[in-house]
Amino acid sequence: MRQGTTPTLIIHTSGIELKKLTSLYLTIEQNGTILTKRMEDLEIEENTVAVTLTQKETLQFTPGSYQVQIRAITDEGVAIASPILSRSVFPVLYKEIIE
């Protein structure tokens, strides 16, 4: 992800029937800055979860690495969590929202 942009983050899953989840949360964390998106904010297909972030959201994060994880509840009431993935945040020079 690059600061100040509107990226779509895509997470591929395996072994989880995404259509059988009653709730799903995608959380991004970096040094205490936490952004959580709920199921209604996500695009969920067969084995992928996608979320598009805003300029404001990506400007919250500083250059370096961030972590992302999915947690969910199945239709049987079982709470599950994905492995925590680490990805990079890249800088921009102009750190304001542009129009």
N, C-alpha and C. Protein backbone atom coordinates (compact mmCIF):
# COMPACT_ATOMS: atom_id res chain seq x y z
N MET A 1 0.85 -1.16 0.00
CA MET A 1 0.00 0.00 0.00
C MET A 1 0.90 1.23 0.00
N ARG A 2 0.46 2.26 -0.70
CA ARG A 2 1.17 3.53 -0.71
C ARG A 2 0.29 4.56 -0.01
N GLN A 3 0.88 5.36 0.86
CA GLN A 3 0.13 6.40 1.57
C GLN A 3 -0.63 7.28 0.58
N GLY A 4 -1.81 7.75 0.99
CA GLY A 4 -2.54 8.72 0.21
C GLY A 4 -3.14 8.19 -1.08
N THR A 5 -3.19 6.88 -1.24
CA THR A 5 -3.79 6.29 -2.44
C THR A 5 -5.05 5.54 -2.04
N THR A 6 -5.72 4.96 -3.01
CA THR A 6 -6.95 4.20 -2.76
C THR A 6 -6.78 2.76 -3.24
N PRO A 7 -5.92 2.01 -2.59
CA PRO A 7 -5.66 0.64 -3.05
C PRO A 7 -6.80 -0.32 -2.70
N THR A 8 -6.89 -1.38 -3.48
CA THR A 8 -7.77 -2.47 -3.14
C THR A 8 -6.89 -3.62 -2.66
N LEU A 9 -7.04 -3.96 -1.39
CA LEU A 9 -6.27 -5.07 -0.81
C LEU A 9 -7.07 -6.34 -1.04
N ILE A 10 -6.41 -7.37 -1.53
CA ILE A 10 -7.07 -8.64 -1.81
C ILE A 10 -6.38 -9.74 -1.01
N ILE A 11 -7.19 -10.49 -0.27
CA ILE A 11 -6.66 -11.60 0.51
C ILE A 11 -7.31 -12.88 0.00
N HIS A 12 -6.46 -13.82 -0.38
CA HIS A 12 -6.93 -15.12 -0.86
C HIS A 12 -6.99 -16.08 0.32
N THR A 13 -8.07 -16.82 0.41
CA THR A 13 -8.24 -17.76 1.52
C THR A 13 -8.29 -19.19 0.97
N SER A 14 -8.06 -20.14 1.85
CA SER A 14 -8.24 -21.54 1.49
C SER A 14 -8.76 -22.27 2.72
N GLY A 15 -9.59 -23.27 2.47
CA GLY A 15 -10.13 -24.04 3.58
C GLY A 15 -11.27 -23.37 4.33
N ILE A 16 -11.74 -22.23 3.83
CA ILE A 16 -12.83 -21.51 4.48
C ILE A 16 -13.92 -21.28 3.43
N GLU A 17 -15.14 -21.66 3.75
CA GLU A 17 -16.26 -21.35 2.86
C GLU A 17 -16.79 -19.98 3.24
N LEU A 18 -16.33 -18.97 2.53
CA LEU A 18 -16.67 -17.59 2.87
C LEU A 18 -18.18 -17.33 2.85
N LYS A 19 -18.90 -18.04 2.02
CA LYS A 19 -20.35 -17.84 1.94
C LYS A 19 -21.06 -18.33 3.20
N LYS A 20 -20.39 -19.14 4.01
CA LYS A 20 -21.00 -19.68 5.22
C LYS A 20 -20.64 -18.88 6.48
N LEU A 21 -20.12 -17.68 6.30
CA LEU A 21 -19.76 -16.85 7.44
C LEU A 21 -20.90 -15.90 7.77
N THR A 22 -21.16 -15.73 9.05
CA THR A 22 -22.20 -14.78 9.46
C THR A 22 -21.62 -13.40 9.76
N SER A 23 -20.34 -13.35 10.08
CA SER A 23 -19.66 -12.06 10.23
C SER A 23 -18.19 -12.24 9.86
N LEU A 24 -17.60 -11.16 9.38
CA LEU A 24 -16.20 -11.19 8.98
C LEU A 24 -15.62 -9.80 9.20
N TYR A 25 -14.44 -9.75 9.77
CA TYR A 25 -13.73 -8.51 10.03
C TYR A 25 -12.33 -8.59 9.45
N LEU A 26 -11.89 -7.54 8.78
CA LEU A 26 -10.53 -7.45 8.28
C LEU A 26 -9.87 -6.30 9.04
N THR A 27 -8.78 -6.60 9.72
CA THR A 27 -8.10 -5.59 10.53
C THR A 27 -6.69 -5.36 10.02
N ILE A 28 -6.35 -4.08 9.90
CA ILE A 28 -4.99 -3.65 9.54
C ILE A 28 -4.44 -2.94 10.76
N GLU A 29 -3.21 -3.29 11.15
CA GLU A 29 -2.60 -2.70 12.35
C GLU A 29 -1.15 -2.33 12.06
N GLN A 30 -0.77 -1.16 12.54
CA GLN A 30 0.63 -0.73 12.44
C GLN A 30 0.94 0.16 13.64
N ASN A 31 1.80 -0.32 14.50
CA ASN A 31 2.27 0.47 15.65
C ASN A 31 1.15 1.14 16.43
N GLY A 32 0.06 0.41 16.69
CA GLY A 32 -1.05 0.94 17.47
C GLY A 32 -2.13 1.61 16.65
N THR A 33 -1.89 1.89 15.38
CA THR A 33 -2.93 2.41 14.51
C THR A 33 -3.70 1.21 13.97
N ILE A 34 -5.01 1.19 14.23
CA ILE A 34 -5.83 0.05 13.85
C ILE A 34 -6.99 0.51 12.99
N LEU A 35 -7.18 -0.19 11.87
CA LEU A 35 -8.30 0.06 10.97
C LEU A 35 -9.00 -1.28 10.77
N THR A 36 -10.28 -1.34 11.14
CA THR A 36 -11.06 -2.57 10.99
C THR A 36 -12.22 -2.32 10.05
N LYS A 37 -12.37 -3.21 9.09
CA LYS A 37 -13.49 -3.16 8.14
C LYS A 37 -14.41 -4.34 8.44
N ARG A 38 -15.71 -4.08 8.44
CA ARG A 38 -16.71 -5.11 8.69
C ARG A 38 -17.16 -5.74 7.38
N MET A 39 -17.90 -6.81 7.52
CA MET A 39 -18.35 -7.60 6.37
C MET A 39 -19.02 -6.72 5.30
N GLU A 40 -19.84 -5.76 5.70
CA GLU A 40 -20.54 -4.92 4.73
C GLU A 40 -19.60 -3.99 3.95
N ASP A 41 -18.37 -3.79 4.44
CA ASP A 41 -17.38 -2.96 3.76
C ASP A 41 -16.52 -3.75 2.79
N LEU A 42 -16.67 -5.07 2.80
CA LEU A 42 -15.79 -5.96 2.04
C LEU A 42 -16.49 -6.54 0.83
N GLU A 43 -15.70 -6.86 -0.18
CA GLU A 43 -16.19 -7.61 -1.33
C GLU A 43 -15.74 -9.05 -1.11
N ILE A 44 -16.71 -9.96 -1.00
CA ILE A 44 -16.40 -11.34 -0.68
C ILE A 44 -16.84 -12.22 -1.84
N GLU A 45 -15.89 -12.98 -2.37
CA GLU A 45 -16.20 -13.93 -3.43
C GLU A 45 -15.79 -15.31 -2.96
N GLU A 46 -15.73 -16.27 -3.85
CA GLU A 46 -15.50 -17.66 -3.46
C GLU A 46 -14.35 -17.85 -2.48
N ASN A 47 -13.17 -17.40 -2.82
CA ASN A 47 -12.03 -17.57 -1.91
C ASN A 47 -11.21 -16.29 -1.78
N THR A 48 -11.85 -15.15 -1.99
CA THR A 48 -11.14 -13.88 -1.83
C THR A 48 -11.96 -12.88 -1.04
N VAL A 49 -11.24 -12.08 -0.30
CA VAL A 49 -11.82 -10.95 0.43
C VAL A 49 -11.07 -9.72 -0.06
N ALA A 50 -11.80 -8.71 -0.52
CA ALA A 50 -11.18 -7.50 -1.02
C ALA A 50 -11.77 -6.29 -0.30
N VAL A 51 -10.93 -5.29 -0.11
CA VAL A 51 -11.38 -4.04 0.50
C VAL A 51 -10.61 -2.90 -0.16
N THR A 52 -11.34 -1.84 -0.49
CA THR A 52 -10.72 -0.65 -1.05
C THR A 52 -10.62 0.40 0.05
N LEU A 53 -9.43 0.92 0.24
CA LEU A 53 -9.18 1.92 1.28
C LEU A 53 -9.25 3.32 0.68
N THR A 54 -9.52 4.31 1.52
CA THR A 54 -9.57 5.70 1.09
C THR A 54 -8.20 6.35 1.28
N GLN A 55 -8.05 7.53 0.67
CA GLN A 55 -6.82 8.29 0.87
C GLN A 55 -6.60 8.56 2.37
N LYS A 56 -7.67 8.99 3.03
CA LYS A 56 -7.59 9.29 4.47
C LYS A 56 -7.11 8.08 5.25
N GLU A 57 -7.65 6.91 4.93
CA GLU A 57 -7.26 5.69 5.64
C GLU A 57 -5.80 5.34 5.42
N THR A 58 -5.32 5.43 4.18
CA THR A 58 -3.92 5.06 3.92
C THR A 58 -2.94 6.10 4.46
N LEU A 59 -3.39 7.35 4.60
CA LEU A 59 -2.52 8.37 5.17
C LEU A 59 -2.31 8.19 6.68
N GLN A 60 -3.13 7.35 7.32
CA GLN A 60 -2.95 7.06 8.75
C GLN A 60 -1.68 6.26 9.02
N PHE A 61 -1.26 5.52 8.01
CA PHE A 61 -0.14 4.60 8.19
C PHE A 61 1.17 5.24 7.75
N THR A 62 2.26 4.87 8.43
CA THR A 62 3.58 5.42 8.14
C THR A 62 4.38 4.41 7.32
N PRO A 63 5.40 4.87 6.60
CA PRO A 63 6.21 3.93 5.84
C PRO A 63 6.79 2.84 6.75
N GLY A 64 6.80 1.63 6.24
CA GLY A 64 7.26 0.48 7.01
C GLY A 64 6.29 -0.67 6.80
N SER A 65 6.27 -1.59 7.73
CA SER A 65 5.38 -2.74 7.55
C SER A 65 4.11 -2.57 8.38
N TYR A 66 3.05 -3.21 7.91
CA TYR A 66 1.80 -3.29 8.64
C TYR A 66 1.37 -4.74 8.65
N GLN A 67 0.42 -5.06 9.51
CA GLN A 67 -0.10 -6.42 9.59
C GLN A 67 -1.58 -6.41 9.26
N VAL A 68 -2.04 -7.51 8.67
CA VAL A 68 -3.45 -7.64 8.31
C VAL A 68 -3.92 -9.04 8.68
N GLN A 69 -5.18 -9.12 9.17
CA GLN A 69 -5.74 -10.40 9.58
C GLN A 69 -7.26 -10.37 9.39
N ILE A 70 -7.80 -11.54 9.08
CA ILE A 70 -9.24 -11.72 9.00
C ILE A 70 -9.69 -12.54 10.20
N ARG A 71 -10.80 -12.11 10.82
CA ARG A 71 -11.48 -12.92 11.85
C ARG A 71 -12.93 -13.04 11.43
N ALA A 72 -13.54 -14.17 11.78
CA ALA A 72 -14.91 -14.40 11.33
C ALA A 72 -15.63 -15.36 12.26
N ILE A 73 -16.95 -15.41 12.07
CA ILE A 73 -17.81 -16.38 12.74
C ILE A 73 -18.52 -17.19 11.65
N THR A 74 -18.45 -18.50 11.76
CA THR A 74 -19.13 -19.36 10.79
C THR A 74 -20.61 -19.44 11.13
N ASP A 75 -21.39 -19.98 10.19
CA ASP A 75 -22.82 -20.13 10.45
C ASP A 75 -23.10 -21.15 11.55
N GLU A 76 -22.07 -21.89 11.97
CA GLU A 76 -22.20 -22.83 13.09
C GLU A 76 -21.77 -22.20 14.41
N GLY A 77 -21.39 -20.91 14.38
CA GLY A 77 -21.00 -20.20 15.59
C GLY A 77 -19.54 -20.36 15.99
N VAL A 78 -18.71 -20.88 15.09
CA VAL A 78 -17.30 -21.09 15.37
C VAL A 78 -16.51 -19.83 14.99
N ALA A 79 -15.71 -19.32 15.93
CA ALA A 79 -14.85 -18.16 15.65
C ALA A 79 -13.55 -18.64 15.04
N ILE A 80 -13.16 -18.02 13.92
CA ILE A 80 -11.93 -18.40 13.24
C ILE A 80 -11.08 -17.16 12.97
N ALA A 81 -9.79 -17.37 12.71
CA ALA A 81 -8.88 -16.28 12.40
C ALA A 81 -7.85 -16.76 11.40
N SER A 82 -7.50 -15.89 10.47
CA SER A 82 -6.46 -16.21 9.49
C SER A 82 -5.09 -15.98 10.12
N PRO A 83 -4.04 -16.49 9.48
CA PRO A 83 -2.70 -16.09 9.91
C PRO A 83 -2.55 -14.58 9.74
N ILE A 84 -1.67 -13.98 10.52
CA ILE A 84 -1.38 -12.55 10.39
C ILE A 84 -0.36 -12.39 9.27
N LEU A 85 -0.72 -11.55 8.29
CA LEU A 85 0.17 -11.29 7.16
C LEU A 85 0.85 -9.95 7.36
N SER A 86 2.10 -9.84 6.94
CA SER A 86 2.82 -8.57 6.98
C SER A 86 3.01 -8.06 5.56
N ARG A 87 2.74 -6.79 5.37
CA ARG A 87 2.91 -6.13 4.07
C ARG A 87 3.56 -4.78 4.32
N SER A 88 3.88 -4.07 3.23
CA SER A 88 4.60 -2.79 3.33
C SER A 88 3.72 -1.60 3.01
N VAL A 89 4.01 -0.49 3.71
CA VAL A 89 3.46 0.82 3.40
C VAL A 89 4.59 1.63 2.79
N PHE A 90 4.33 2.23 1.63
CA PHE A 90 5.33 3.04 0.94
C PHE A 90 4.95 4.52 1.05
N PRO A 91 5.94 5.41 1.11
CA PRO A 91 5.66 6.83 1.34
C PRO A 91 5.24 7.58 0.07
N VAL A 92 4.63 8.73 0.31
CA VAL A 92 4.42 9.75 -0.74
C VAL A 92 5.00 11.04 -0.19
N LEU A 93 5.29 11.98 -1.09
CA LEU A 93 5.87 13.25 -0.65
C LEU A 93 4.79 14.21 -0.16
N TYR A 94 3.67 14.29 -0.86
CA TYR A 94 2.58 15.19 -0.49
C TYR A 94 1.58 14.40 0.34
N LYS A 95 1.54 14.65 1.62
CA LYS A 95 0.75 13.85 2.55
C LYS A 95 -0.60 14.49 2.89
N GLU A 96 -1.31 14.90 1.86
CA GLU A 96 -2.64 15.47 2.01
C GLU A 96 -3.59 14.73 1.08
N ILE A 97 -4.91 14.83 1.36
CA ILE A 97 -5.91 14.27 0.47
C ILE A 97 -5.99 15.15 -0.76
N ILE A 98 -5.93 14.53 -1.94
CA ILE A 98 -5.99 15.30 -3.18
C ILE A 98 -7.36 15.11 -3.85
N GLU A 99 -7.73 16.10 -4.65
CA GLU A 99 -9.01 16.04 -5.38
C GLU A 99 -8.78 16.24 -6.85
